[in-house]
Amino acid sequence: MATPMASSADVQDAPLASTTETGRHQAVLPGSQDDGMLDAPSHNFRLADCLFRSSAASVIWLVVRVWLGYQWANAGYQKIWGSEKSAFWFGGGAGVKGFATAGVVGSSTGKGGASYGWWAGFLHNFVIPNASWIAKFIAIGELAIGIALILGFLTGLAALAGLLLNLIYMFTGSAGVNPAFAILSVGLILGWRNAGQLGLDRFALSGMWKRDQLNRVGHRTSHGRRASTPTPVFTN
């Protein structure tokens, strides 16, 4: 019985051809899924992966984290023990009441202040009547955010809390350092895996990091195995 052979056209279209035990030719299609093209999408995310996952980038996030943490901690300290304690920790929350009132007035006159009517209503109906305890809450919150960022403890959550405060201040009509703080906070939130690596998160979230590393190693292993396995096309 004659062994089925591939035609010359079939062999020409299959540049990587091999003969199986049954005598049939199998070729790897250049455009198939397993001809190495699986590696292409990963290159697009190499920069992001380096910035948000690599150990070297954790030093950059350490500097950002400590600087921003100091700013928050100092702001909270001044409100509790420093130069602003009479307006926040004492004095019935005069600092918060004055800040919120300025936002409401600016909104009604069209000269700055709260840019949204619903936010001006919130300031007028809730913040101003409760300024005393809100001032203490803000002072403690700023101090806690700063300490958490400096120590690198639950960095992503601490940065998120700081970002929310920045948005509240900006909604009320204060720019100042808030936009810059907000941008840095967004970076820390996106890079939370790395941002606290040189801090307490290394111990608090160690189990999660180990699972993440195992998943990445397993993905690379299976990824390479799939990439090295050709897709056969049998021709007669």
Protein backbone atom coordinates (compact mmCIF):
# COMPACT_ATOMS: atom_id res chain seq x y z
CA MET A 1 0.00 0.00 0.00
CA ALA A 2 1.43 3.33 -1.00
CA THR A 3 2.09 5.87 1.72
CA PRO A 4 0.11 9.07 1.12
CA MET A 5 2.47 11.86 0.18
CA ALA A 6 2.08 15.63 0.34
CA SER A 7 1.98 17.54 -2.89
CA SER A 8 4.71 20.03 -3.74
CA ALA A 9 2.31 22.91 -3.08
CA ASP A 10 1.57 21.55 0.39
CA VAL A 11 5.25 21.30 1.25
CA GLN A 12 5.94 24.78 -0.06
CA ASP A 13 3.18 26.26 2.13
CA ALA A 14 4.51 24.53 5.23
CA PRO A 15 7.98 25.94 5.92
CA LEU A 16 8.40 24.03 9.17
CA ALA A 17 7.36 20.54 8.13
CA SER A 18 8.09 17.26 9.82
CA THR A 19 7.06 13.68 9.10
CA THR A 20 5.08 11.77 11.69
CA GLU A 21 5.17 8.04 12.24
CA THR A 22 2.18 7.60 9.96
CA GLY A 23 3.98 9.36 7.14
CA ARG A 24 1.77 12.40 7.12
CA HIS A 25 3.38 15.84 7.03
CA GLN A 26 2.57 18.32 9.77
CA ALA A 27 3.38 21.98 9.37
CA VAL A 28 3.37 24.91 11.69
CA LEU A 29 1.29 27.73 10.37
CA PRO A 30 3.18 31.05 10.69
CA GLY A 31 0.02 32.83 11.84
CA SER A 32 -1.10 30.19 14.32
CA GLN A 33 -1.62 30.95 18.00
CA ASP A 34 1.43 29.02 19.17
CA ASP A 35 4.16 30.29 16.83
CA GLY A 36 5.51 32.69 19.49
CA MET A 37 2.95 35.45 19.01
CA LEU A 38 1.69 34.91 22.55
CA ASP A 39 4.60 36.97 23.79
CA ALA A 40 3.61 40.06 21.80
CA PRO A 41 0.86 41.44 24.07
CA SER A 42 3.11 41.25 27.14
CA HIS A 43 5.53 43.79 25.66
CA ASN A 44 2.83 46.44 25.70
CA PHE A 45 2.60 46.20 29.49
CA ARG A 46 6.30 45.89 30.28
CA LEU A 47 6.63 49.51 31.46
CA ALA A 48 3.54 49.34 33.64
CA ASP A 49 4.63 45.99 35.05
CA CYS A 50 8.05 47.42 35.89
CA LEU A 51 6.62 50.54 37.51
CA PHE A 52 3.90 48.86 39.54
CA ARG A 53 5.45 45.46 40.31
CA SER A 54 9.26 45.52 40.15
CA SER A 55 11.37 45.73 43.29
CA ALA A 56 13.48 48.55 41.83
CA ALA A 57 10.43 50.79 41.41
CA SER A 58 9.50 50.26 45.06
CA VAL A 59 12.29 52.71 45.95
CA ILE A 60 10.57 55.41 43.88
CA TRP A 61 7.27 54.73 45.60
CA LEU A 62 9.03 54.82 48.97
CA VAL A 63 10.14 58.40 48.33
CA VAL A 64 6.68 59.43 47.11
CA ARG A 65 4.99 57.66 50.00
CA VAL A 66 7.17 59.12 52.76
CA TRP A 67 7.02 62.67 51.37
CA LEU A 68 3.26 62.61 50.96
CA GLY A 69 2.86 60.91 54.33
CA TYR A 70 4.85 63.64 56.04
CA GLN A 71 2.64 66.32 54.50
CA TRP A 72 -0.52 64.62 55.76
CA ALA A 73 0.93 63.85 59.19
CA ASN A 74 2.11 67.43 59.65
CA ALA A 75 -1.29 68.79 58.61
CA GLY A 76 -3.01 66.58 61.19
CA TYR A 77 -0.45 67.41 63.86
CA GLN A 78 -0.96 71.15 63.38
CA LYS A 79 -4.72 70.71 63.79
CA ILE A 80 -4.37 68.75 67.04
CA TRP A 81 -1.29 70.15 68.79
CA GLY A 82 0.11 72.87 66.56
CA SER A 83 -0.79 76.27 65.21
CA GLU A 84 -4.28 75.29 64.01
CA LYS A 85 -5.50 73.52 67.16
CA SER A 86 -7.65 76.46 68.26
CA ALA A 87 -9.54 76.35 64.97
CA PHE A 88 -9.94 72.58 64.68
CA TRP A 89 -9.43 70.62 67.88
CA PHE A 90 -10.83 73.42 70.00
CA GLY A 91 -13.11 76.35 69.25
CA GLY A 92 -16.10 74.30 68.10
CA GLY A 93 -14.52 73.47 64.75
CA ALA A 94 -14.26 77.09 63.65
CA GLY A 95 -11.79 76.14 60.92
CA VAL A 96 -14.20 73.70 59.28
CA LYS A 97 -17.16 76.03 59.74
CA GLY A 98 -15.31 78.95 58.14
CA PHE A 99 -14.04 76.79 55.29
CA ALA A 100 -17.49 75.37 54.53
CA THR A 101 -19.16 78.78 54.84
CA ALA A 102 -16.71 80.29 52.36
CA GLY A 103 -17.53 77.46 49.95
CA VAL A 104 -21.27 78.11 50.23
CA VAL A 105 -20.91 81.89 49.85
CA GLY A 106 -18.57 81.54 46.89
CA SER A 107 -21.02 79.20 45.22
CA SER A 108 -23.95 81.62 45.63
CA THR A 109 -22.01 84.64 44.37
CA GLY A 110 -20.33 82.79 41.50
CA LYS A 111 -16.87 83.68 42.81
CA GLY A 112 -15.23 80.37 43.51
CA GLY A 113 -16.41 78.18 46.35
CA ALA A 114 -18.41 75.03 45.74
CA SER A 115 -19.01 74.60 42.03
CA TYR A 116 -22.06 72.36 42.44
CA GLY A 117 -25.32 73.34 44.06
CA TRP A 118 -25.82 69.93 45.63
CA TRP A 119 -22.41 70.14 47.27
CA ALA A 120 -23.11 73.65 48.57
CA GLY A 121 -26.35 72.29 50.04
CA PHE A 122 -24.42 69.47 51.73
CA LEU A 123 -21.97 71.96 53.23
CA HIS A 124 -24.79 74.21 54.46
CA ASN A 125 -27.10 71.53 55.84
CA PHE A 126 -24.64 68.99 57.23
CA VAL A 127 -21.04 70.19 57.51
CA ILE A 128 -21.61 73.60 59.12
CA PRO A 129 -24.03 72.34 61.85
CA ASN A 130 -21.62 69.47 62.68
CA ALA A 131 -18.38 71.38 62.31
CA SER A 132 -17.16 70.57 65.83
CA TRP A 133 -16.83 66.79 65.50
CA ILE A 134 -16.03 66.93 61.77
CA ALA A 135 -12.99 69.10 62.55
CA LYS A 136 -11.68 66.53 65.04
CA PHE A 137 -12.41 63.73 62.59
CA ILE A 138 -10.46 65.48 59.83
CA ALA A 139 -7.52 66.20 62.14
CA ILE A 140 -7.28 62.56 63.27
CA GLY A 141 -7.84 61.34 59.71
CA GLU A 142 -5.04 63.44 58.26
CA LEU A 143 -2.65 62.31 61.00
CA ALA A 144 -3.59 58.64 60.52
CA ILE A 145 -3.20 58.87 56.73
CA GLY A 146 0.23 60.40 57.14
CA ILE A 147 1.45 57.79 59.62
CA ALA A 148 0.12 54.92 57.50
CA LEU A 149 1.86 56.23 54.38
CA ILE A 150 5.17 56.79 56.17
CA LEU A 151 5.11 53.29 57.65
CA GLY A 152 3.84 51.74 54.44
CA PHE A 153 0.87 50.10 56.18
CA LEU A 154 -2.18 49.44 53.97
CA THR A 155 -0.69 51.96 51.58
CA GLY A 156 -3.40 51.68 48.94
CA LEU A 157 -6.22 52.33 51.42
CA ALA A 158 -4.33 55.21 53.06
CA ALA A 159 -3.71 56.83 49.67
CA LEU A 160 -7.38 56.36 48.77
CA ALA A 161 -8.47 58.08 52.01
CA GLY A 162 -6.11 60.97 51.25
CA LEU A 163 -7.47 61.24 47.72
CA LEU A 164 -11.03 61.46 49.07
CA LEU A 165 -10.03 64.32 51.36
CA ASN A 166 -8.33 66.09 48.46
CA LEU A 167 -11.52 65.78 46.41
CA ILE A 168 -13.61 67.13 49.29
CA TYR A 169 -11.35 70.15 49.64
CA MET A 170 -11.37 70.78 45.89
CA PHE A 171 -15.16 70.39 45.69
CA THR A 172 -15.43 73.05 48.39
CA GLY A 173 -13.33 75.44 46.30
CA SER A 174 -9.76 75.03 47.57
CA ALA A 175 -7.02 74.13 45.12
CA GLY A 176 -3.66 74.78 46.76
CA VAL A 177 -1.63 71.58 47.06
CA ASN A 178 -4.66 69.32 46.65
CA PRO A 179 -4.26 68.61 42.90
CA ALA A 180 -0.60 67.61 43.38
CA PHE A 181 -1.47 65.44 46.39
CA ALA A 182 -4.30 63.83 44.41
CA ILE A 183 -2.00 62.90 41.51
CA LEU A 184 0.54 61.29 43.84
CA SER A 185 -2.25 59.44 45.65
CA VAL A 186 -3.54 58.00 42.38
CA GLY A 187 -0.02 56.71 41.64
CA LEU A 188 0.19 55.07 45.06
CA ILE A 189 -3.22 53.48 44.59
CA LEU A 190 -2.26 52.04 41.20
CA GLY A 191 1.12 50.90 42.50
CA TRP A 192 -0.12 49.62 45.86
CA ARG A 193 1.63 46.26 45.37
CA ASN A 194 4.99 48.02 45.21
CA ALA A 195 4.31 51.18 47.18
CA GLY A 196 4.33 49.41 50.55
CA GLN A 197 6.91 46.74 49.77
CA LEU A 198 9.57 48.72 51.65
CA GLY A 199 7.27 49.10 54.63
CA LEU A 200 4.88 47.23 56.89
CA ASP A 201 2.85 46.00 53.93
CA ARG A 202 5.72 43.61 53.23
CA PHE A 203 4.65 41.72 56.34
CA ALA A 204 0.94 42.56 56.49
CA LEU A 205 0.37 41.50 52.88
CA SER A 206 3.13 38.90 52.57
CA GLY A 207 0.71 36.05 51.88
CA MET A 208 -0.93 37.93 49.04
CA TRP A 209 2.45 38.79 47.49
CA LYS A 210 3.58 35.16 47.64
CA ARG A 211 0.41 34.02 45.89
CA ASP A 212 0.87 36.73 43.28
CA GLN A 213 4.47 35.66 42.61
CA LEU A 214 3.45 32.01 42.31
CA ASN A 215 0.68 32.94 39.88
CA ARG A 216 3.09 34.96 37.76
CA VAL A 217 5.66 32.14 37.68
CA GLY A 218 2.96 29.65 36.77
CA HIS A 219 1.67 31.95 34.05
CA ARG A 220 5.14 32.37 32.54
CA THR A 221 5.74 28.60 32.66
CA SER A 222 2.48 27.69 30.94
CA HIS A 223 2.92 30.65 28.60
CA GLY A 224 6.33 29.40 27.44
CA ARG A 225 5.07 25.85 27.09
CA ARG A 226 2.21 26.93 24.87
CA ALA A 227 4.52 29.15 22.84
CA SER A 228 6.99 26.32 22.20
CA THR A 229 4.35 23.81 21.08
CA PRO A 230 3.66 24.05 17.35
CA THR A 231 0.19 23.74 15.91
CA PRO A 232 0.29 20.84 13.46
CA VAL A 233 -1.55 20.87 10.17
CA PHE A 234 -1.76 17.47 8.54
CA THR A 235 -1.70 17.25 4.81
CA ASN A 236 -2.13 14.25 2.59
